C-alpha cells in the first residue's frame, strides 16, 4: 500500500497553508505514490504516525491500493478512490527512530528540497519559480541535488556571495553526506576571487 498526496495537499503546499506545520509539509512531499508507510515513518521520527493519521483523516493523503475504496475523487493526476476509514497504520517499533537518537541535525534530501524551494520563493521572480519547479519535479535524489546546486548558483548571481554562503552553510547541515563534496566544490567556485597579495 503506497501513499499519495491529494489535490487538497498540493494546493496547501503551493499556498504554504497555515493548516500544515513544517513536518506535515515534509511528510506530504514524501507521499509521492511510490513510498509505503514503512518507508516514510522511520525517516520522520516517533510522531510521524500521528501526523500521517491526521493527514489521512483530513484528506491530504490517500492510500492508493490494498484497502476498500470510498467515493471517487478527481485530481490533476486523474481519478482515484478515497479509502474508507480504516485502522491506523502501524509500523513495527523496530522501524521507528527512537526519541533518544543523537541530537545532531538530521540529513535529508526532502528537508533540503523544502528549504531550497523556500529560499527561491523569497526571490519572487519567474526564473526562481522555474528552478523551484525543477526541484519539485526531480525524478531522483541525484537530479534533485543537481537542481539544488543550480539554484544556489542562481541565488549567488541574484543576491550576492554573502547570502549564497549563508544558504550553502545551511545546506551543508541538511544534505546527505554523499553530496557534501559537490556542495563544497560549488562553494569554492562561488567565492569571489581574492585580490593578489590579500
N, C-alpha and C. Protein backbone atom coordinates (compact mmCIF):
# COMPACT_ATOMS: atom_id res chain seq x y z
N UNK A 1 0.85 -1.18 0.00
CA UNK A 1 0.00 0.00 0.00
C UNK A 1 0.89 1.24 0.00
N UNK A 2 0.77 2.04 -1.03
CA UNK A 2 1.55 3.27 -1.11
C UNK A 2 0.66 4.47 -0.80
N UNK A 3 1.30 5.59 -0.51
CA UNK A 3 0.58 6.80 -0.11
C UNK A 3 0.84 7.91 -1.11
N UNK A 4 -0.20 8.68 -1.39
CA UNK A 4 -0.06 9.79 -2.33
C UNK A 4 -0.78 11.01 -1.79
N UNK A 5 -0.26 12.18 -2.15
CA UNK A 5 -0.92 13.41 -1.74
C UNK A 5 -2.11 13.69 -2.65
N UNK A 6 -3.13 14.32 -2.12
CA UNK A 6 -4.32 14.67 -2.89
C UNK A 6 -4.17 16.07 -3.48
N UNK A 7 -5.14 16.46 -4.27
CA UNK A 7 -5.14 17.81 -4.83
C UNK A 7 -5.20 18.84 -3.70
N UNK A 8 -5.95 18.53 -2.65
CA UNK A 8 -6.02 19.42 -1.48
C UNK A 8 -4.62 19.63 -0.90
N UNK A 9 -3.82 18.57 -0.85
CA UNK A 9 -2.46 18.66 -0.32
C UNK A 9 -1.58 19.50 -1.25
N UNK A 10 -1.71 19.29 -2.55
CA UNK A 10 -0.90 20.06 -3.50
C UNK A 10 -1.19 21.56 -3.37
N UNK A 11 -2.47 21.89 -3.26
CA UNK A 11 -2.84 23.30 -3.11
C UNK A 11 -2.31 23.87 -1.80
N UNK A 12 -2.39 23.08 -0.73
CA UNK A 12 -1.90 23.55 0.58
C UNK A 12 -0.39 23.76 0.54
N UNK A 13 0.34 22.88 -0.15
CA UNK A 13 1.79 23.04 -0.25
C UNK A 13 2.14 24.28 -1.07
N UNK A 14 1.43 24.48 -2.18
CA UNK A 14 1.72 25.64 -3.03
C UNK A 14 1.42 26.95 -2.33
N UNK A 15 0.33 26.98 -1.55
CA UNK A 15 -0.07 28.23 -0.89
C UNK A 15 0.59 28.40 0.47
N UNK A 16 1.39 27.38 0.89
CA UNK A 16 2.03 27.40 2.21
C UNK A 16 0.99 27.60 3.30
N UNK A 17 -0.09 26.83 3.22
CA UNK A 17 -1.22 26.92 4.13
C UNK A 17 -0.77 26.83 5.59
N UNK A 18 -1.39 27.67 6.42
CA UNK A 18 -1.08 27.67 7.85
C UNK A 18 -1.64 26.42 8.54
N UNK A 19 -2.49 25.67 7.84
CA UNK A 19 -3.05 24.43 8.41
C UNK A 19 -1.99 23.34 8.54
N UNK A 20 -0.88 23.49 7.84
CA UNK A 20 0.17 22.47 7.85
C UNK A 20 1.44 23.00 8.50
N UNK A 21 1.97 22.22 9.40
CA UNK A 21 3.25 22.57 10.01
C UNK A 21 4.39 22.09 9.13
N UNK A 22 5.63 22.46 9.45
CA UNK A 22 6.77 22.06 8.62
C UNK A 22 6.92 20.54 8.48
N UNK A 23 6.69 19.79 9.56
CA UNK A 23 6.84 18.33 9.48
C UNK A 23 5.72 17.71 8.66
N UNK A 24 4.53 18.30 8.72
CA UNK A 24 3.44 17.80 7.88
C UNK A 24 3.73 18.08 6.41
N UNK A 25 4.28 19.26 6.11
CA UNK A 25 4.65 19.56 4.73
C UNK A 25 5.72 18.59 4.25
N UNK A 26 6.70 18.30 5.11
CA UNK A 26 7.76 17.37 4.74
C UNK A 26 7.17 15.98 4.45
N UNK A 27 6.25 15.52 5.30
CA UNK A 27 5.62 14.23 5.09
C UNK A 27 4.81 14.21 3.80
N UNK A 28 4.11 15.30 3.50
CA UNK A 28 3.33 15.37 2.26
C UNK A 28 4.24 15.29 1.04
N UNK A 29 5.36 15.98 1.08
CA UNK A 29 6.28 15.93 -0.05
C UNK A 29 6.76 14.50 -0.29
N UNK A 30 6.98 13.77 0.78
CA UNK A 30 7.45 12.40 0.66
C UNK A 30 6.37 11.43 0.18
N UNK A 31 5.10 11.79 0.33
CA UNK A 31 3.99 10.94 -0.13
C UNK A 31 3.84 11.11 -1.64
N UNK A 32 4.62 10.35 -2.39
CA UNK A 32 4.69 10.54 -3.83
C UNK A 32 3.99 9.44 -4.63
N UNK A 33 3.25 8.56 -3.95
CA UNK A 33 2.56 7.49 -4.63
C UNK A 33 3.40 6.23 -4.80
N UNK A 34 4.69 6.32 -4.44
CA UNK A 34 5.57 5.15 -4.56
C UNK A 34 5.99 4.62 -3.20
N UNK A 35 6.08 5.50 -2.22
CA UNK A 35 6.58 5.08 -0.91
C UNK A 35 5.45 4.51 -0.05
N UNK A 36 5.81 3.53 0.75
CA UNK A 36 4.88 2.89 1.68
C UNK A 36 5.09 3.50 3.07
N UNK A 37 4.09 3.39 3.95
CA UNK A 37 4.24 3.96 5.30
C UNK A 37 5.48 3.47 6.02
N UNK A 38 5.82 2.20 5.83
CA UNK A 38 7.00 1.66 6.50
C UNK A 38 8.30 2.30 6.04
N UNK A 39 8.29 2.91 4.85
CA UNK A 39 9.48 3.61 4.35
C UNK A 39 9.49 5.06 4.83
N UNK A 40 8.30 5.66 4.95
CA UNK A 40 8.21 7.08 5.30
C UNK A 40 8.40 7.35 6.78
N UNK A 41 7.69 6.59 7.58
CA UNK A 41 7.63 6.93 9.00
C UNK A 41 8.98 6.88 9.71
N UNK A 42 9.84 5.91 9.41
CA UNK A 42 11.15 5.92 10.09
C UNK A 42 11.98 7.16 9.76
N UNK A 43 11.74 7.78 8.62
CA UNK A 43 12.51 8.97 8.25
C UNK A 43 12.17 10.18 9.11
N UNK A 44 10.97 10.17 9.69
CA UNK A 44 10.47 11.38 10.35
C UNK A 44 10.33 11.26 11.86
N UNK A 45 10.66 10.12 12.44
CA UNK A 45 10.67 10.02 13.89
C UNK A 45 9.37 9.51 14.50
N UNK A 46 9.30 9.61 15.82
CA UNK A 46 8.23 8.97 16.58
C UNK A 46 6.83 9.52 16.33
N UNK A 47 6.69 10.82 16.14
CA UNK A 47 5.34 11.37 15.98
C UNK A 47 4.84 11.30 14.55
N UNK A 48 5.61 10.70 13.64
CA UNK A 48 5.22 10.66 12.23
C UNK A 48 3.93 9.88 12.03
N UNK A 49 3.70 8.84 12.82
CA UNK A 49 2.48 8.06 12.64
C UNK A 49 1.25 8.90 12.93
N UNK A 50 1.27 9.70 14.00
CA UNK A 50 0.11 10.54 14.30
C UNK A 50 -0.05 11.64 13.24
N UNK A 51 1.06 12.16 12.72
CA UNK A 51 0.97 13.14 11.63
C UNK A 51 0.32 12.52 10.40
N UNK A 52 0.73 11.30 10.05
CA UNK A 52 0.18 10.63 8.88
C UNK A 52 -1.30 10.34 9.07
N UNK A 53 -1.68 9.90 10.25
CA UNK A 53 -3.10 9.63 10.52
C UNK A 53 -3.93 10.90 10.36
N UNK A 54 -3.41 12.03 10.82
CA UNK A 54 -4.13 13.29 10.66
C UNK A 54 -4.27 13.67 9.19
N UNK A 55 -3.18 13.52 8.43
CA UNK A 55 -3.22 13.85 7.01
C UNK A 55 -4.18 12.95 6.24
N UNK A 56 -4.24 11.67 6.61
CA UNK A 56 -5.21 10.76 6.00
C UNK A 56 -6.64 11.18 6.36
N UNK A 57 -6.86 11.44 7.64
CA UNK A 57 -8.20 11.80 8.13
C UNK A 57 -8.70 13.10 7.49
N UNK A 58 -7.79 14.07 7.32
CA UNK A 58 -8.20 15.38 6.80
C UNK A 58 -8.18 15.47 5.28
N UNK A 59 -7.88 14.35 4.59
CA UNK A 59 -7.97 14.33 3.14
C UNK A 59 -6.76 14.87 2.40
N UNK A 60 -5.60 14.96 3.07
CA UNK A 60 -4.39 15.42 2.40
C UNK A 60 -3.64 14.26 1.73
N UNK A 61 -3.85 13.04 2.25
CA UNK A 61 -3.15 11.86 1.76
C UNK A 61 -4.17 10.75 1.53
N UNK A 62 -3.93 9.93 0.50
CA UNK A 62 -4.78 8.76 0.23
C UNK A 62 -3.91 7.53 0.09
N UNK A 63 -4.51 6.39 0.38
CA UNK A 63 -3.86 5.10 0.14
C UNK A 63 -4.22 4.70 -1.28
N UNK A 64 -3.24 4.31 -2.06
CA UNK A 64 -3.51 4.01 -3.47
C UNK A 64 -3.95 2.59 -3.73
N UNK A 65 -3.65 1.66 -2.85
CA UNK A 65 -4.08 0.29 -3.09
C UNK A 65 -4.16 -0.49 -1.80
N UNK A 66 -4.78 -1.67 -1.89
CA UNK A 66 -4.78 -2.59 -0.76
C UNK A 66 -5.86 -2.36 0.27
N UNK A 67 -6.73 -1.36 0.13
CA UNK A 67 -7.78 -1.12 1.10
C UNK A 67 -9.11 -0.93 0.40
N UNK A 68 -10.22 -1.15 1.11
CA UNK A 68 -11.52 -0.89 0.49
C UNK A 68 -11.60 0.57 0.07
N UNK A 69 -12.20 0.81 -1.07
CA UNK A 69 -12.26 2.16 -1.60
C UNK A 69 -13.51 2.88 -1.16
N UNK A 70 -13.40 4.19 -1.03
CA UNK A 70 -14.54 5.04 -0.72
C UNK A 70 -14.99 5.74 -1.99
N UNK A 71 -15.58 6.93 -1.89
CA UNK A 71 -16.09 7.63 -3.07
C UNK A 71 -14.96 8.07 -3.99
N UNK A 72 -15.30 8.26 -5.27
CA UNK A 72 -14.30 8.71 -6.23
C UNK A 72 -14.03 10.20 -6.07
N UNK A 73 -12.80 10.57 -6.31
CA UNK A 73 -12.41 11.98 -6.34
C UNK A 73 -11.62 12.19 -7.62
N UNK A 74 -11.65 13.41 -8.12
CA UNK A 74 -10.88 13.73 -9.32
C UNK A 74 -9.82 14.74 -8.95
N UNK A 75 -8.60 14.49 -9.39
CA UNK A 75 -7.50 15.43 -9.15
C UNK A 75 -6.79 15.67 -10.47
N UNK A 76 -5.76 16.51 -10.42
CA UNK A 76 -4.97 16.78 -11.62
C UNK A 76 -4.29 15.50 -12.11
N UNK A 77 -4.06 14.57 -11.20
CA UNK A 77 -3.39 13.33 -11.57
C UNK A 77 -4.38 12.29 -12.10
N UNK A 78 -5.66 12.59 -12.11
CA UNK A 78 -6.67 11.66 -12.60
C UNK A 78 -7.65 11.29 -11.51
N UNK A 79 -8.48 10.30 -11.80
CA UNK A 79 -9.50 9.86 -10.86
C UNK A 79 -8.91 8.79 -9.96
N UNK A 80 -9.22 8.86 -8.68
CA UNK A 80 -8.80 7.81 -7.76
C UNK A 80 -9.90 7.64 -6.73
N UNK A 81 -9.84 6.57 -5.98
CA UNK A 81 -10.82 6.32 -4.94
C UNK A 81 -10.22 6.68 -3.59
N UNK A 82 -10.99 7.41 -2.81
CA UNK A 82 -10.57 7.75 -1.46
C UNK A 82 -10.87 6.56 -0.57
N UNK A 83 -9.91 6.10 0.20
CA UNK A 83 -10.16 4.93 1.02
C UNK A 83 -11.19 5.19 2.10
N UNK A 84 -11.95 4.15 2.40
CA UNK A 84 -12.88 4.22 3.51
C UNK A 84 -12.07 4.27 4.79
N UNK A 85 -12.64 4.81 5.89
CA UNK A 85 -11.88 4.85 7.13
C UNK A 85 -11.37 3.46 7.48
N UNK A 86 -10.14 3.38 7.89
CA UNK A 86 -9.54 2.09 8.19
C UNK A 86 -8.76 2.20 9.49
N UNK A 87 -8.29 1.05 9.93
CA UNK A 87 -7.48 1.03 11.14
C UNK A 87 -6.22 1.85 10.91
N UNK A 88 -5.68 2.46 11.97
CA UNK A 88 -4.47 3.25 11.78
C UNK A 88 -3.32 2.39 11.26
N UNK A 89 -2.42 3.02 10.57
CA UNK A 89 -1.23 2.34 10.06
C UNK A 89 -0.30 2.09 11.24
N UNK A 90 0.14 0.86 11.37
CA UNK A 90 1.03 0.52 12.47
C UNK A 90 2.38 0.13 11.88
N UNK A 91 3.40 0.79 12.34
CA UNK A 91 4.76 0.49 11.90
C UNK A 91 5.46 -0.23 13.05
N UNK A 92 6.19 -1.31 12.76
CA UNK A 92 6.88 -2.02 13.82
C UNK A 92 7.78 -1.08 14.61
N UNK A 93 7.79 -1.26 15.93
CA UNK A 93 8.57 -0.37 16.80
C UNK A 93 10.04 -0.35 16.40
N UNK A 94 10.56 -1.45 15.88
CA UNK A 94 11.97 -1.51 15.50
C UNK A 94 12.27 -0.57 14.33
N UNK A 95 11.24 -0.23 13.53
CA UNK A 95 11.47 0.61 12.36
C UNK A 95 11.42 2.10 12.68
N UNK A 96 10.95 2.46 13.87
CA UNK A 96 10.79 3.86 14.24
C UNK A 96 12.05 4.35 14.93
N UNK A 97 12.52 5.52 14.54
CA UNK A 97 13.71 6.11 15.15
C UNK A 97 13.35 6.54 16.58
N UNK A 98 14.08 6.07 17.58
CA UNK A 98 13.75 6.44 18.95
C UNK A 98 13.99 7.92 19.23
N UNK A 99 13.25 8.45 20.20
CA UNK A 99 13.36 9.87 20.54
C UNK A 99 14.75 10.21 21.07
N UNK A 100 15.44 9.23 21.63
CA UNK A 100 16.74 9.49 22.23
C UNK A 100 17.87 9.41 21.21
N UNK A 101 17.54 9.49 19.93
CA UNK A 101 18.58 9.47 18.89
C UNK A 101 19.51 10.66 19.10
N UNK A 102 20.72 10.60 18.60
CA UNK A 102 21.66 11.71 18.78
C UNK A 102 21.05 13.03 18.32
N UNK A 103 21.42 14.10 19.00
CA UNK A 103 20.80 15.41 18.76
C UNK A 103 21.43 16.15 17.58
N UNK A 104 22.12 15.45 16.68
CA UNK A 104 22.71 16.13 15.53
C UNK A 104 21.63 16.42 14.50
N UNK A 105 21.94 17.27 13.55
CA UNK A 105 21.00 17.63 12.50
C UNK A 105 20.68 16.42 11.64
N UNK A 106 19.41 16.22 11.35
CA UNK A 106 19.00 15.12 10.50
C UNK A 106 19.25 15.49 9.04
N UNK A 107 20.03 14.68 8.36
CA UNK A 107 20.34 14.93 6.95
C UNK A 107 19.23 14.31 6.11
N UNK A 108 18.67 15.10 5.20
CA UNK A 108 17.54 14.63 4.44
C UNK A 108 17.43 15.37 3.12
N UNK A 109 17.25 14.63 2.05
CA UNK A 109 17.03 15.25 0.75
C UNK A 109 15.70 15.99 0.75
N UNK A 110 14.70 15.43 1.44
CA UNK A 110 13.39 16.09 1.50
C UNK A 110 13.49 17.45 2.20
N UNK A 111 14.23 17.51 3.30
CA UNK A 111 14.40 18.79 4.00
C UNK A 111 15.18 19.78 3.13
N UNK A 112 16.18 19.27 2.42
CA UNK A 112 16.96 20.11 1.50
C UNK A 112 16.05 20.71 0.44
N UNK A 113 15.19 19.85 -0.11
CA UNK A 113 14.26 20.28 -1.16
C UNK A 113 13.33 21.38 -0.64
N UNK A 114 12.73 21.16 0.53
CA UNK A 114 11.80 22.15 1.09
C UNK A 114 12.52 23.47 1.37
N UNK A 115 13.72 23.39 1.93
CA UNK A 115 14.47 24.60 2.27
C UNK A 115 14.80 25.41 1.01
N UNK A 116 15.30 24.74 -0.01
CA UNK A 116 15.70 25.48 -1.21
C UNK A 116 14.48 26.06 -1.93
N UNK A 117 13.38 25.35 -1.95
CA UNK A 117 12.16 25.91 -2.56
C UNK A 117 11.74 27.16 -1.79
N UNK A 118 11.83 27.12 -0.47
CA UNK A 118 11.50 28.31 0.34
C UNK A 118 12.43 29.48 0.00
N UNK A 119 13.72 29.21 -0.14
CA UNK A 119 14.67 30.28 -0.46
C UNK A 119 14.39 30.88 -1.84
N UNK A 120 14.02 30.04 -2.80
CA UNK A 120 13.70 30.53 -4.14
C UNK A 120 12.43 31.37 -4.14
N UNK A 121 11.45 30.98 -3.31
CA UNK A 121 10.21 31.75 -3.24
C UNK A 121 10.46 33.16 -2.72
N UNK A 122 11.48 33.32 -1.90
CA UNK A 122 11.80 34.65 -1.37
C UNK A 122 12.29 35.60 -2.47
N UNK A 123 12.82 35.06 -3.56
CA UNK A 123 13.32 35.90 -4.65
C UNK A 123 12.19 36.49 -5.48
N UNK A 124 11.06 35.83 -5.52
CA UNK A 124 9.85 36.34 -6.19
C UNK A 124 10.09 36.75 -7.64
N UNK A 125 10.72 35.87 -8.42
CA UNK A 125 10.80 36.15 -9.84
C UNK A 125 10.55 34.86 -10.63
N UNK A 126 10.34 35.00 -11.93
CA UNK A 126 9.95 33.86 -12.76
C UNK A 126 11.06 32.82 -12.88
N UNK A 127 12.30 33.26 -12.98
CA UNK A 127 13.41 32.30 -13.08
C UNK A 127 13.51 31.46 -11.81
N UNK A 128 13.38 32.11 -10.66
CA UNK A 128 13.42 31.37 -9.40
C UNK A 128 12.26 30.39 -9.31
N UNK A 129 11.08 30.79 -9.77
CA UNK A 129 9.92 29.89 -9.77
C UNK A 129 10.16 28.69 -10.67
N UNK A 130 10.78 28.92 -11.80
CA UNK A 130 11.09 27.84 -12.74
C UNK A 130 12.07 26.84 -12.12
N UNK A 131 13.08 27.36 -11.43
CA UNK A 131 14.05 26.49 -10.77
C UNK A 131 13.37 25.69 -9.66
N UNK A 132 12.46 26.34 -8.92
CA UNK A 132 11.73 25.64 -7.85
C UNK A 132 10.91 24.49 -8.41
N UNK A 133 10.28 24.71 -9.56
CA UNK A 133 9.51 23.63 -10.20
C UNK A 133 10.44 22.49 -10.59
N UNK A 134 11.62 22.79 -11.10
CA UNK A 134 12.59 21.75 -11.45
C UNK A 134 12.97 20.93 -10.22
N UNK A 135 13.16 21.61 -9.11
CA UNK A 135 13.49 20.90 -7.87
C UNK A 135 12.31 20.03 -7.44
N UNK A 136 11.12 20.61 -7.48
CA UNK A 136 9.92 19.90 -7.03
C UNK A 136 9.64 18.65 -7.86
N UNK A 137 9.96 18.69 -9.14
CA UNK A 137 9.60 17.58 -10.03
C UNK A 137 10.78 16.67 -10.35
N UNK A 138 11.85 16.77 -9.61
CA UNK A 138 13.02 15.91 -9.85
C UNK A 138 12.65 14.44 -9.72
N UNK A 139 13.22 13.64 -10.61
CA UNK A 139 12.89 12.21 -10.66
C UNK A 139 13.61 11.40 -9.59
N UNK A 140 14.79 11.82 -9.19
CA UNK A 140 15.54 11.07 -8.18
C UNK A 140 16.43 12.02 -7.38
N UNK A 141 17.11 11.47 -6.39
CA UNK A 141 17.94 12.30 -5.49
C UNK A 141 19.06 13.02 -6.23
N UNK A 142 19.73 12.32 -7.15
CA UNK A 142 20.85 12.94 -7.86
C UNK A 142 20.37 14.15 -8.68
N UNK A 143 19.25 13.98 -9.37
CA UNK A 143 18.71 15.09 -10.16
C UNK A 143 18.28 16.24 -9.25
N UNK A 144 17.65 15.90 -8.13
CA UNK A 144 17.21 16.93 -7.20
C UNK A 144 18.41 17.73 -6.68
N UNK A 145 19.47 17.05 -6.27
CA UNK A 145 20.64 17.74 -5.74
C UNK A 145 21.29 18.60 -6.83
N UNK A 146 21.30 18.11 -8.07
CA UNK A 146 21.85 18.92 -9.17
C UNK A 146 21.05 20.22 -9.33
N UNK A 147 19.72 20.13 -9.23
CA UNK A 147 18.89 21.33 -9.33
C UNK A 147 19.09 22.25 -8.12
N UNK A 148 19.28 21.67 -6.94
CA UNK A 148 19.53 22.47 -5.74
C UNK A 148 20.84 23.25 -5.90
N UNK A 149 21.87 22.60 -6.42
CA UNK A 149 23.15 23.29 -6.61
C UNK A 149 23.02 24.37 -7.68
N UNK A 150 22.23 24.09 -8.72
CA UNK A 150 21.96 25.13 -9.73
C UNK A 150 21.23 26.31 -9.13
N UNK A 151 20.31 26.02 -8.21
CA UNK A 151 19.58 27.09 -7.53
C UNK A 151 20.53 27.95 -6.69
N UNK A 152 21.51 27.31 -6.07
CA UNK A 152 22.48 28.07 -5.27
C UNK A 152 23.31 29.00 -6.16
N UNK A 153 23.68 28.52 -7.36
CA UNK A 153 24.39 29.39 -8.31
C UNK A 153 23.52 30.59 -8.68
N UNK A 154 22.24 30.33 -8.93
CA UNK A 154 21.32 31.40 -9.31
C UNK A 154 21.17 32.42 -8.17
N UNK A 155 21.04 31.94 -6.95
CA UNK A 155 20.91 32.83 -5.79
C UNK A 155 22.17 33.67 -5.64
N UNK A 156 23.33 33.08 -5.90
CA UNK A 156 24.60 33.83 -5.84
C UNK A 156 24.58 34.98 -6.85
N UNK A 157 24.09 34.71 -8.08
CA UNK A 157 24.04 35.77 -9.10
C UNK A 157 23.04 36.85 -8.71
N UNK A 158 21.89 36.46 -8.16
CA UNK A 158 20.83 37.42 -7.86
C UNK A 158 21.06 38.19 -6.56
N UNK A 159 21.61 37.51 -5.55
CA UNK A 159 21.64 38.12 -4.21
C UNK A 159 23.02 38.32 -3.63
N UNK A 160 24.05 37.83 -4.31
CA UNK A 160 25.40 38.08 -3.84
C UNK A 160 26.02 36.93 -3.07
N UNK A 161 27.35 37.00 -2.88
CA UNK A 161 28.07 35.89 -2.27
C UNK A 161 27.77 35.67 -0.79
N UNK A 162 27.52 36.74 -0.06
CA UNK A 162 27.27 36.60 1.38
C UNK A 162 25.99 35.81 1.64
N UNK A 163 24.93 36.17 0.94
CA UNK A 163 23.65 35.47 1.09
C UNK A 163 23.78 34.02 0.63
N UNK A 164 24.45 33.80 -0.51
CA UNK A 164 24.63 32.44 -1.02
C UNK A 164 25.45 31.61 -0.04
N UNK A 165 26.44 32.21 0.60
CA UNK A 165 27.27 31.49 1.57
C UNK A 165 26.43 31.02 2.76
N UNK A 166 25.54 31.91 3.24
CA UNK A 166 24.67 31.51 4.37
C UNK A 166 23.76 30.35 3.99
N UNK A 167 23.23 30.39 2.77
CA UNK A 167 22.37 29.30 2.32
C UNK A 167 23.19 28.02 2.17
N UNK A 168 24.40 28.14 1.65
CA UNK A 168 25.27 26.96 1.50
C UNK A 168 25.60 26.34 2.85
N UNK A 169 25.82 27.18 3.87
CA UNK A 169 26.10 26.66 5.21
C UNK A 169 24.91 25.86 5.74
N UNK A 170 23.71 26.36 5.49
CA UNK A 170 22.51 25.63 5.93
C UNK A 170 22.35 24.34 5.14
N UNK A 171 22.63 24.38 3.84
CA UNK A 171 22.56 23.16 3.02
C UNK A 171 23.56 22.12 3.51
N UNK A 172 24.73 22.56 3.94
CA UNK A 172 25.74 21.63 4.44
C UNK A 172 25.27 20.89 5.68
N UNK A 173 24.34 21.49 6.42
CA UNK A 173 23.78 20.81 7.60
C UNK A 173 22.72 19.80 7.22
N UNK A 174 22.07 19.99 6.06
CA UNK A 174 20.92 19.17 5.68
C UNK A 174 21.22 18.08 4.68
N UNK A 175 22.08 18.39 3.70
CA UNK A 175 22.33 17.44 2.61
C UNK A 175 22.91 16.13 3.13
N UNK A 176 22.48 15.01 2.57
CA UNK A 176 23.13 13.74 2.92
C UNK A 176 24.63 13.83 2.61
N UNK A 177 25.41 13.13 3.40
CA UNK A 177 26.87 13.25 3.32
C UNK A 177 27.43 12.93 1.94
N UNK A 178 26.75 12.08 1.18
CA UNK A 178 27.24 11.71 -0.15
C UNK A 178 27.34 12.91 -1.09
N UNK A 179 26.58 13.98 -0.80
CA UNK A 179 26.55 15.15 -1.69
C UNK A 179 27.36 16.34 -1.17
N UNK A 180 27.99 16.20 -0.02
CA UNK A 180 28.70 17.33 0.58
C UNK A 180 29.91 17.77 -0.24
N UNK A 181 30.58 16.82 -0.87
CA UNK A 181 31.76 17.21 -1.66
C UNK A 181 31.35 18.06 -2.86
N UNK A 182 30.22 17.73 -3.49
CA UNK A 182 29.73 18.53 -4.63
C UNK A 182 29.37 19.94 -4.16
N UNK A 183 28.75 20.04 -2.98
CA UNK A 183 28.41 21.35 -2.43
C UNK A 183 29.68 22.15 -2.13
N UNK A 184 30.67 21.50 -1.52
CA UNK A 184 31.92 22.19 -1.19
C UNK A 184 32.62 22.70 -2.45
N UNK A 185 32.62 21.89 -3.51
CA UNK A 185 33.25 22.31 -4.76
C UNK A 185 32.53 23.52 -5.34
N UNK A 186 31.21 23.53 -5.27
CA UNK A 186 30.44 24.66 -5.78
C UNK A 186 30.70 25.91 -4.95
N UNK A 187 30.74 25.77 -3.64
CA UNK A 187 31.00 26.93 -2.77
C UNK A 187 32.36 27.55 -3.12
N UNK A 188 33.36 26.71 -3.39
CA UNK A 188 34.68 27.23 -3.78
C UNK A 188 34.57 28.04 -5.07
N UNK A 189 33.76 27.58 -6.01
CA UNK A 189 33.59 28.30 -7.28
C UNK A 189 32.85 29.62 -7.07
N UNK A 190 31.94 29.65 -6.10
CA UNK A 190 31.11 30.85 -5.90
C UNK A 190 31.80 31.96 -5.14
N UNK A 191 32.86 31.62 -4.42
CA UNK A 191 33.56 32.62 -3.61
C UNK A 191 34.21 33.66 -4.54
N UNK A 192 34.12 34.95 -4.21
CA UNK A 192 34.78 35.95 -5.04
C UNK A 192 36.28 35.77 -5.02
N UNK A 193 36.92 36.05 -6.12
CA UNK A 193 38.39 35.93 -6.21
C UNK A 193 39.03 36.94 -5.28
N UNK A 194 40.06 36.49 -4.55
CA UNK A 194 40.79 37.39 -3.65
C UNK A 194 41.82 38.17 -4.45
N UNK A 195 41.95 39.46 -4.22
CA UNK A 195 42.97 40.24 -4.93
C UNK A 195 44.37 39.72 -4.59
N UNK A 196 45.29 39.86 -5.52
CA UNK A 196 46.67 39.39 -5.31
C UNK A 196 47.28 40.12 -4.13
N UNK A 197 47.95 39.36 -3.27
CA UNK A 197 48.61 39.94 -2.10
C UNK A 197 47.68 40.16 -0.93
N UNK A 198 46.42 39.67 -1.03
CA UNK A 198 45.48 39.86 0.09
C UNK A 198 45.66 38.79 1.10
